[in-house]
Amino acid sequence: MYNVQVEKECGCFRRSSFKNNLSFESKDDALMQAIEMSKEMNEEFCGKHEFKVLEQGDSIVIGVAEKAKSGCCGGGHCG
């Protein structure tokens, strides 16, 4: 049995239709689900976090990290 776990449930995750701690018979199915979830989360959520898929034994973990801030105000004069 392989599990897909979201490391940290941010507010966007809690408001979404996604479920945490999913179980799959095959590693391939778990990995494909985690990849699809992280892709959709990166595209659809608020953008404050970045989601990455990590393999940890029989678990596929969707890791959550704060997105790095560039320090630019967006005024067009920084670059």
PDB file of N, CA and C in Angstrom:
ATOM      1  N   MET A   1       0.849  -1.180   0.000  1.00  0.00           N
ATOM      2  CA  MET A   1       0.000   0.000   0.000  1.00  0.00           C
ATOM      3  C   MET A   1       0.893   1.240   0.000  1.00  0.00           C
ATOM      4  N   TYR A   2       0.559   2.195  -0.864  1.00  0.00           N
ATOM      5  CA  TYR A   2       1.300   3.449  -0.981  1.00  0.00           C
ATOM      6  C   TYR A   2       0.374   4.606  -0.637  1.00  0.00           C
ATOM      7  N   ASN A   3       0.924   5.584   0.049  1.00  0.00           N
ATOM      8  CA  ASN A   3       0.132   6.725   0.508  1.00  0.00           C
ATOM      9  C   ASN A   3       0.597   8.020  -0.135  1.00  0.00           C
ATOM     10  N   VAL A   4      -0.366   8.903  -0.394  1.00  0.00           N
ATOM     11  CA  VAL A   4      -0.077  10.264  -0.838  1.00  0.00           C
ATOM     12  C   VAL A   4      -0.470  11.174   0.314  1.00  0.00           C
ATOM     13  N   GLN A   5       0.514  11.934   0.800  1.00  0.00           N
ATOM     14  CA  GLN A   5       0.286  12.821   1.932  1.00  0.00           C
ATOM     15  C   GLN A   5       0.704  14.239   1.579  1.00  0.00           C
ATOM     16  N   VAL A   6      -0.103  15.198   1.989  1.00  0.00           N
ATOM     17  CA  VAL A   6       0.270  16.607   1.855  1.00  0.00           C
ATOM     18  C   VAL A   6       0.926  17.001   3.166  1.00  0.00           C
ATOM     19  N   GLU A   7       2.173  17.461   3.063  1.00  0.00           N
ATOM     20  CA  GLU A   7       2.989  17.780   4.231  1.00  0.00           C
ATOM     21  C   GLU A   7       2.316  18.801   5.159  1.00  0.00           C
ATOM     22  N   LYS A   8       1.778  19.859   4.586  1.00  0.00           N
ATOM     23  CA  LYS A   8       1.156  20.934   5.370  1.00  0.00           C
ATOM     24  C   LYS A   8      -0.094  21.389   4.631  1.00  0.00           C
ATOM     25  N   GLU A   9      -1.222  21.314   5.293  1.00  0.00           N
ATOM     26  CA  GLU A   9      -2.472  21.732   4.675  1.00  0.00           C
ATOM     27  C   GLU A   9      -2.648  23.240   4.827  1.00  0.00           C
ATOM     28  N   CYS A  10      -2.313  23.971   3.777  1.00  0.00           N
ATOM     29  CA  CYS A  10      -2.507  25.424   3.797  1.00  0.00           C
ATOM     30  C   CYS A  10      -4.000  25.726   3.647  1.00  0.00           C
ATOM     31  N   GLY A  11      -4.371  26.969   3.788  1.00  0.00           N
ATOM     32  CA  GLY A  11      -5.766  27.370   3.684  1.00  0.00           C
ATOM     33  C   GLY A  11      -6.375  27.023   2.331  1.00  0.00           C
ATOM     34  N   CYS A  12      -5.617  27.207   1.265  1.00  0.00           N
ATOM     35  CA  CYS A  12      -6.124  26.874  -0.073  1.00  0.00           C
ATOM     36  C   CYS A  12      -6.423  25.383  -0.174  1.00  0.00           C
ATOM     37  N   PHE A  13      -5.568  24.557   0.415  1.00  0.00           N
ATOM     38  CA  PHE A  13      -5.794  23.113   0.386  1.00  0.00           C
ATOM     39  C   PHE A  13      -7.061  22.762   1.154  1.00  0.00           C
ATOM     40  N   ARG A  14      -7.208  23.340   2.320  1.00  0.00           N
ATOM     41  CA  ARG A  14      -8.382  23.031   3.152  1.00  0.00           C
ATOM     42  C   ARG A  14      -9.685  23.455   2.471  1.00  0.00           C
ATOM     43  N   ARG A  15      -9.636  24.532   1.678  1.00  0.00           N
ATOM     44  CA  ARG A  15     -10.827  24.998   0.970  1.00  0.00           C
ATOM     45  C   ARG A  15     -11.074  24.243  -0.334  1.00  0.00           C
ATOM     46  N   SER A  16     -10.094  23.488  -0.787  1.00  0.00           N
ATOM     47  CA  SER A  16     -10.226  22.770  -2.064  1.00  0.00           C
ATOM     48  C   SER A  16     -10.970  21.450  -1.870  1.00  0.00           C
ATOM     49  N   SER A  17     -11.173  20.757  -2.968  1.00  0.00           N
ATOM     50  CA  SER A  17     -11.826  19.439  -2.919  1.00  0.00           C
ATOM     51  C   SER A  17     -10.814  18.309  -2.714  1.00  0.00           C
ATOM     52  N   PHE A  18      -9.527  18.643  -2.628  1.00  0.00           N
ATOM     53  CA  PHE A  18      -8.499  17.619  -2.441  1.00  0.00           C
ATOM     54  C   PHE A  18      -8.609  16.975  -1.062  1.00  0.00           C
ATOM     55  N   LYS A  19      -8.217  15.723  -1.003  1.00  0.00           N
ATOM     56  CA  LYS A  19      -8.165  14.980   0.258  1.00  0.00           C
ATOM     57  C   LYS A  19      -6.709  14.646   0.567  1.00  0.00           C
ATOM     58  N   ASN A  20      -6.396  14.580   1.850  1.00  0.00           N
ATOM     59  CA  ASN A  20      -5.058  14.217   2.309  1.00  0.00           C
ATOM     60  C   ASN A  20      -5.047  12.737   2.695  1.00  0.00           C
ATOM     61  N   ASN A  21      -3.864  12.142   2.718  1.00  0.00           N
ATOM     62  CA  ASN A  21      -3.658  10.750   3.145  1.00  0.00           C
ATOM     63  C   ASN A  21      -4.449   9.763   2.297  1.00  0.00           C
ATOM     64  N   LEU A  22      -4.224   9.809   0.992  1.00  0.00           N
ATOM     65  CA  LEU A  22      -4.864   8.879   0.072  1.00  0.00           C
ATOM     66  C   LEU A  22      -4.036   7.606  -0.023  1.00  0.00           C
ATOM     67  N   SER A  23      -4.674   6.463  -0.226  1.00  0.00           N
ATOM     68  CA  SER A  23      -3.978   5.176  -0.322  1.00  0.00           C
ATOM     69  C   SER A  23      -4.184   4.572  -1.707  1.00  0.00           C
ATOM     70  N   PHE A  24      -3.108   3.939  -2.215  1.00  0.00           N
ATOM     71  CA  PHE A  24      -3.127   3.314  -3.533  1.00  0.00           C
ATOM     72  C   PHE A  24      -2.437   1.962  -3.464  1.00  0.00           C
ATOM     73  N   GLU A  25      -2.870   1.051  -4.315  1.00  0.00           N
ATOM     74  CA  GLU A  25      -2.274  -0.289  -4.383  1.00  0.00           C
ATOM     75  C   GLU A  25      -0.886  -0.250  -5.023  1.00  0.00           C
ATOM     76  N   SER A  26      -0.699   0.634  -6.004  1.00  0.00           N
ATOM     77  CA  SER A  26       0.597   0.661  -6.708  1.00  0.00           C
ATOM     78  C   SER A  26       1.304   2.000  -6.498  1.00  0.00           C
ATOM     79  N   LYS A  27       2.611   1.929  -6.530  1.00  0.00           N
ATOM     80  CA  LYS A  27       3.425   3.137  -6.379  1.00  0.00           C
ATOM     81  C   LYS A  27       3.203   4.073  -7.567  1.00  0.00           C
ATOM     82  N   ASP A  28       3.061   3.505  -8.756  1.00  0.00           N
ATOM     83  CA  ASP A  28       2.837   4.329  -9.948  1.00  0.00           C
ATOM     84  C   ASP A  28       1.551   5.142  -9.832  1.00  0.00           C
ATOM     85  N   ASP A  29       0.476   4.509  -9.355  1.00  0.00           N
ATOM     86  CA  ASP A  29      -0.792   5.228  -9.189  1.00  0.00           C
ATOM     87  C   ASP A  29      -0.659   6.350  -8.164  1.00  0.00           C
ATOM     88  N   ALA A  30       0.020   6.070  -7.064  1.00  0.00           N
ATOM     89  CA  ALA A  30       0.220   7.090  -6.027  1.00  0.00           C
ATOM     90  C   ALA A  30       1.046   8.247  -6.562  1.00  0.00           C
ATOM     91  N   LEU A  31       2.107   7.927  -7.285  1.00  0.00           N
ATOM     92  CA  LEU A  31       2.989   8.955  -7.836  1.00  0.00           C
ATOM     93  C   LEU A  31       2.257   9.815  -8.861  1.00  0.00           C
ATOM     94  N   MET A  32       1.476   9.174  -9.734  1.00  0.00           N
ATOM     95  CA  MET A  32       0.727   9.933 -10.737  1.00  0.00           C
ATOM     96  C   MET A  32      -0.303  10.856 -10.073  1.00  0.00           C
ATOM     97  N   GLN A  33      -0.971  10.378  -9.035  1.00  0.00           N
ATOM     98  CA  GLN A  33      -1.944  11.211  -8.314  1.00  0.00           C
ATOM     99  C   GLN A  33      -1.249  12.404  -7.667  1.00  0.00           C
ATOM    100  N   ALA A  34      -0.111  12.165  -7.020  1.00  0.00           N
ATOM    101  CA  ALA A  34       0.622  13.248  -6.356  1.00  0.00           C
ATOM    102  C   ALA A  34       1.113  14.285  -7.359  1.00  0.00           C
ATOM    103  N   ILE A  35       1.586  13.838  -8.504  1.00  0.00           N
ATOM    104  CA  ILE A  35       2.063  14.766  -9.539  1.00  0.00           C
ATOM    105  C   ILE A  35       0.913  15.622 -10.051  1.00  0.00           C
ATOM    106  N   GLU A  36      -0.236  14.994 -10.318  1.00  0.00           N
ATOM    107  CA  GLU A  36      -1.404  15.741 -10.791  1.00  0.00           C
ATOM    108  C   GLU A  36      -1.879  16.746  -9.739  1.00  0.00           C
ATOM    109  N   MET A  37      -1.926  16.303  -8.483  1.00  0.00           N
ATOM    110  CA  MET A  37      -2.355  17.194  -7.409  1.00  0.00           C
ATOM    111  C   MET A  37      -1.424  18.386  -7.282  1.00  0.00           C
ATOM    112  N   SER A  38      -0.110  18.140  -7.241  1.00  0.00           N
ATOM    113  CA  SER A  38       0.840  19.244  -7.048  1.00  0.00           C
ATOM    114  C   SER A  38       0.801  20.205  -8.227  1.00  0.00           C
ATOM    115  N   LYS A  39       0.627  19.669  -9.432  1.00  0.00           N
ATOM    116  CA  LYS A  39       0.537  20.541 -10.612  1.00  0.00           C
ATOM    117  C   LYS A  39      -0.676  21.460 -10.504  1.00  0.00           C
ATOM    118  N   GLU A  40      -1.822  20.885 -10.180  1.00  0.00           N
ATOM    119  CA  GLU A  40      -3.043  21.692 -10.061  1.00  0.00           C
ATOM    120  C   GLU A  40      -2.937  22.678  -8.903  1.00  0.00           C
ATOM    121  N   MET A  41      -2.352  22.248  -7.789  1.00  0.00           N
ATOM    122  CA  MET A  41      -2.193  23.140  -6.643  1.00  0.00           C
ATOM    123  C   MET A  41      -1.287  24.313  -6.989  1.00  0.00           C
ATOM    124  N   ASN A  42      -0.199  24.064  -7.721  1.00  0.00           N
ATOM    125  CA  ASN A  42       0.707  25.146  -8.125  1.00  0.00           C
ATOM    126  C   ASN A  42       0.035  26.111  -9.095  1.00  0.00           C
ATOM    127  N   GLU A  43      -0.854  25.596  -9.945  1.00  0.00           N
ATOM    128  CA  GLU A  43      -1.509  26.438 -10.948  1.00  0.00           C
ATOM    129  C   GLU A  43      -2.740  27.167 -10.399  1.00  0.00           C
ATOM    130  N   GLU A  44      -3.485  26.532  -9.495  1.00  0.00           N
ATOM    131  CA  GLU A  44      -4.786  27.065  -9.093  1.00  0.00           C
ATOM    132  C   GLU A  44      -4.804  27.769  -7.733  1.00  0.00           C
ATOM    133  N   PHE A  45      -3.891  27.414  -6.840  1.00  0.00           N
ATOM    134  CA  PHE A  45      -3.905  28.008  -5.502  1.00  0.00           C
ATOM    135  C   PHE A  45      -3.358  29.427  -5.556  1.00  0.00           C
ATOM    136  N   CYS A  46      -3.322  30.129  -4.435  1.00  0.00           N
ATOM    137  CA  CYS A  46      -3.043  31.565  -4.370  1.00  0.00           C
ATOM    138  C   CYS A  46      -1.632  31.971  -4.798  1.00  0.00           C
ATOM    139  N   GLY A  47      -0.696  31.061  -4.840  1.00  0.00           N
ATOM    140  CA  GLY A  47       0.650  31.392  -5.288  1.00  0.00           C
ATOM    141  C   GLY A  47       1.629  31.708  -4.175  1.00  0.00           C
ATOM    142  N   LYS A  48       1.201  31.648  -2.921  1.00  0.00           N
ATOM    143  CA  LYS A  48       2.108  31.912  -1.808  1.00  0.00           C
ATOM    144  C   LYS A  48       3.037  30.739  -1.528  1.00  0.00           C
ATOM    145  N   HIS A  49       2.636  29.526  -1.970  1.00  0.00           N
ATOM    146  CA  HIS A  49       3.415  28.326  -1.711  1.00  0.00           C
ATOM    147  C   HIS A  49       3.785  27.629  -3.013  1.00  0.00           C
ATOM    148  N   GLU A  50       4.821  26.831  -2.930  1.00  0.00           N
ATOM    149  CA  GLU A  50       5.217  25.976  -4.041  1.00  0.00           C
ATOM    150  C   GLU A  50       5.112  24.539  -3.559  1.00  0.00           C
ATOM    151  N   PHE A  51       4.525  23.682  -4.378  1.00  0.00           N
ATOM    152  CA  PHE A  51       4.288  22.291  -4.008  1.00  0.00           C
ATOM    153  C   PHE A  51       5.177  21.385  -4.845  1.00  0.00           C
ATOM    154  N   LYS A  52       5.876  20.457  -4.182  1.00  0.00           N
ATOM    155  CA  LYS A  52       6.785  19.532  -4.852  1.00  0.00           C
ATOM    156  C   LYS A  52       6.523  18.116  -4.363  1.00  0.00           C
ATOM    157  N   VAL A  53       6.671  17.156  -5.275  1.00  0.00           N
ATOM    158  CA  VAL A  53       6.464  15.751  -4.953  1.00  0.00           C
ATOM    159  C   VAL A  53       7.779  15.134  -4.496  1.00  0.00           C
ATOM    160  N   LEU A  54       7.738  14.463  -3.343  1.00  0.00           N
ATOM    161  CA  LEU A  54       8.911  13.814  -2.770  1.00  0.00           C
ATOM    162  C   LEU A  54       8.557  12.374  -2.426  1.00  0.00           C
ATOM    163  N   GLU A  55       9.452  11.427  -2.757  1.00  0.00           N
ATOM    164  CA  GLU A  55       9.238  10.032  -2.391  1.00  0.00           C
ATOM    165  C   GLU A  55       9.922   9.759  -1.060  1.00  0.00           C
ATOM    166  N   GLN A  56       9.171   9.171  -0.119  1.00  0.00           N
ATOM    167  CA  GLN A  56       9.710   8.827   1.197  1.00  0.00           C
ATOM    168  C   GLN A  56       9.224   7.431   1.556  1.00  0.00           C
ATOM    169  N   GLY A  57       9.981   6.415   1.149  1.00  0.00           N
ATOM    170  CA  GLY A  57       9.598   5.033   1.412  1.00  0.00           C
ATOM    171  C   GLY A  57       8.318   4.689   0.685  1.00  0.00           C
ATOM    172  N   ASP A  58       7.309   4.217   1.416  1.00  0.00           N
ATOM    173  CA  ASP A  58       6.017   3.866   0.828  1.00  0.00           C
ATOM    174  C   ASP A  58       5.076   5.053   0.751  1.00  0.00           C
ATOM    175  N   SER A  59       5.572   6.234   1.065  1.00  0.00           N
ATOM    176  CA  SER A  59       4.757   7.440   1.013  1.00  0.00           C
ATOM    177  C   SER A  59       5.265   8.370  -0.080  1.00  0.00           C
ATOM    178  N   ILE A  60       4.319   8.984  -0.757  1.00  0.00           N
ATOM    179  CA  ILE A  60       4.615  10.054  -1.697  1.00  0.00           C
ATOM    180  C   ILE A  60       4.118  11.318  -1.006  1.00  0.00           C
ATOM    181  N   VAL A  61       5.038  12.218  -0.709  1.00  0.00           N
ATOM    182  CA  VAL A  61       4.712  13.419   0.051  1.00  0.00           C
ATOM    183  C   VAL A  61       4.699  14.620  -0.882  1.00  0.00           C
ATOM    184  N   ILE A  62       3.646  15.423  -0.761  1.00  0.00           N
ATOM    185  CA  ILE A  62       3.611  16.697  -1.472  1.00  0.00           C
ATOM    186  C   ILE A  62       4.108  17.735  -0.479  1.00  0.00           C
ATOM    187  N   GLY A  63       5.359  18.154  -0.688  1.00  0.00           N
ATOM    188  CA  GLY A  63       5.986  19.129   0.193  1.00  0.00           C
ATOM    189  C   GLY A  63       5.517  20.531  -0.123  1.00  0.00           C
ATOM    190  N   VAL A  64       5.495  21.371   0.890  1.00  0.00           N
ATOM    191  CA  VAL A  64       5.021  22.744   0.775  1.00  0.00           C
ATOM    192  C   VAL A  64       6.136  23.683   1.215  1.00  0.00           C
ATOM    193  N   ALA A  65       6.429  24.681   0.382  1.00  0.00           N
ATOM    194  CA  ALA A  65       7.441  25.675   0.729  1.00  0.00           C
ATOM    195  C   ALA A  65       6.927  27.057   0.364  1.00  0.00           C
ATOM    196  N   GLU A  66       7.331  28.053   1.143  1.00  0.00           N
ATOM    197  CA  GLU A  66       7.001  29.440   0.812  1.00  0.00           C
ATOM    198  C   GLU A  66       7.735  29.805  -0.467  1.00  0.00           C
ATOM    199  N   LYS A  67       7.060  30.508  -1.361  1.00  0.00           N
ATOM    200  CA  LYS A  67       7.729  30.973  -2.570  1.00  0.00           C
ATOM    201  C   LYS A  67       8.664  32.111  -2.199  1.00  0.00           C
ATOM    202  N   ALA A  68       9.846  32.105  -2.810  1.00  0.00           N
ATOM    203  CA  ALA A  68      10.826  33.151  -2.549  1.00  0.00           C
ATOM    204  C   ALA A  68      10.335  34.473  -3.111  1.00  0.00           C
ATOM    205  N   LYS A  69      10.533  35.513  -2.374  1.00  0.00           N
ATOM    206  CA  LYS A  69      10.158  36.850  -2.828  1.00  0.00           C
ATOM    207  C   LYS A  69      11.366  37.478  -3.522  1.00  0.00           C
ATOM    208  N   SER A  70      11.121  38.127  -4.641  1.00  0.00           N
ATOM    209  CA  SER A  70      12.224  38.703  -5.414  1.00  0.00           C
ATOM    210  C   SER A  70      12.683  40.044  -4.876  1.00  0.00           C
ATOM    211  N   GLY A  71      11.856  40.720  -4.083  1.00  0.00           N
ATOM    212  CA  GLY A  71      12.227  42.029  -3.583  1.00  0.00           C
ATOM    213  C   GLY A  71      11.832  43.148  -4.530  1.00  0.00           C
ATOM    214  N   CYS A  72      11.318  42.769  -5.696  1.00  0.00           N
ATOM    215  CA  CYS A  72      10.900  43.758  -6.690  1.00  0.00           C
ATOM    216  C   CYS A  72       9.474  44.196  -6.407  1.00  0.00           C
ATOM    217  N   CYS A  73       9.213  45.475  -6.559  1.00  0.00           N
ATOM    218  CA  CYS A  73       7.880  46.004  -6.319  1.00  0.00           C
ATOM    219  C   CYS A  73       6.973  45.860  -7.525  1.00  0.00           C
ATOM    220  N   GLY A  74       7.543  45.489  -8.661  1.00  0.00           N
ATOM    221  CA  GLY A  74       6.738  45.327  -9.881  1.00  0.00           C
ATOM    222  C   GLY A  74       6.580  46.591 -10.684  1.00  0.00           C
ATOM    223  N   GLY A  75       7.301  47.644 -10.329  1.00  0.00           N
ATOM    224  CA  GLY A  75       7.180  48.918 -11.025  1.00  0.00           C
ATOM    225  C   GLY A  75       7.920  48.977 -12.345  1.00  0.00           C
ATOM    226  N   GLY A  76       8.703  47.957 -12.689  1.00  0.00           N
ATOM    227  CA  GLY A  76       9.384  47.921 -13.971  1.00  0.00           C
ATOM    228  C   GLY A  76      10.763  48.566 -13.983  1.00  0.00           C
ATOM    229  N   HIS A  77      11.211  49.101 -12.859  1.00  0.00           N
ATOM    230  CA  HIS A  77      12.492  49.792 -12.831  1.00  0.00           C
ATOM    231  C   HIS A  77      13.599  48.978 -12.148  1.00  0.00           C
ATOM    232  N   CYS A  78      13.322  47.726 -11.765  1.00  0.00           N
ATOM    233  CA  CYS A  78      14.306  46.926 -11.049  1.00  0.00           C
ATOM    234  C   CYS A  78      15.216  46.121 -11.971  1.00  0.00           C
ATOM    235  N   GLY A  79      14.946  46.033 -13.206  1.00  0.00           N
ATOM    236  CA  GLY A  79      15.754  45.142 -14.026  1.00  0.00           C
ATOM    237  C   GLY A  79      16.039  45.687 -15.332  1.00  0.00           C
TER     238      GLY A  79
END
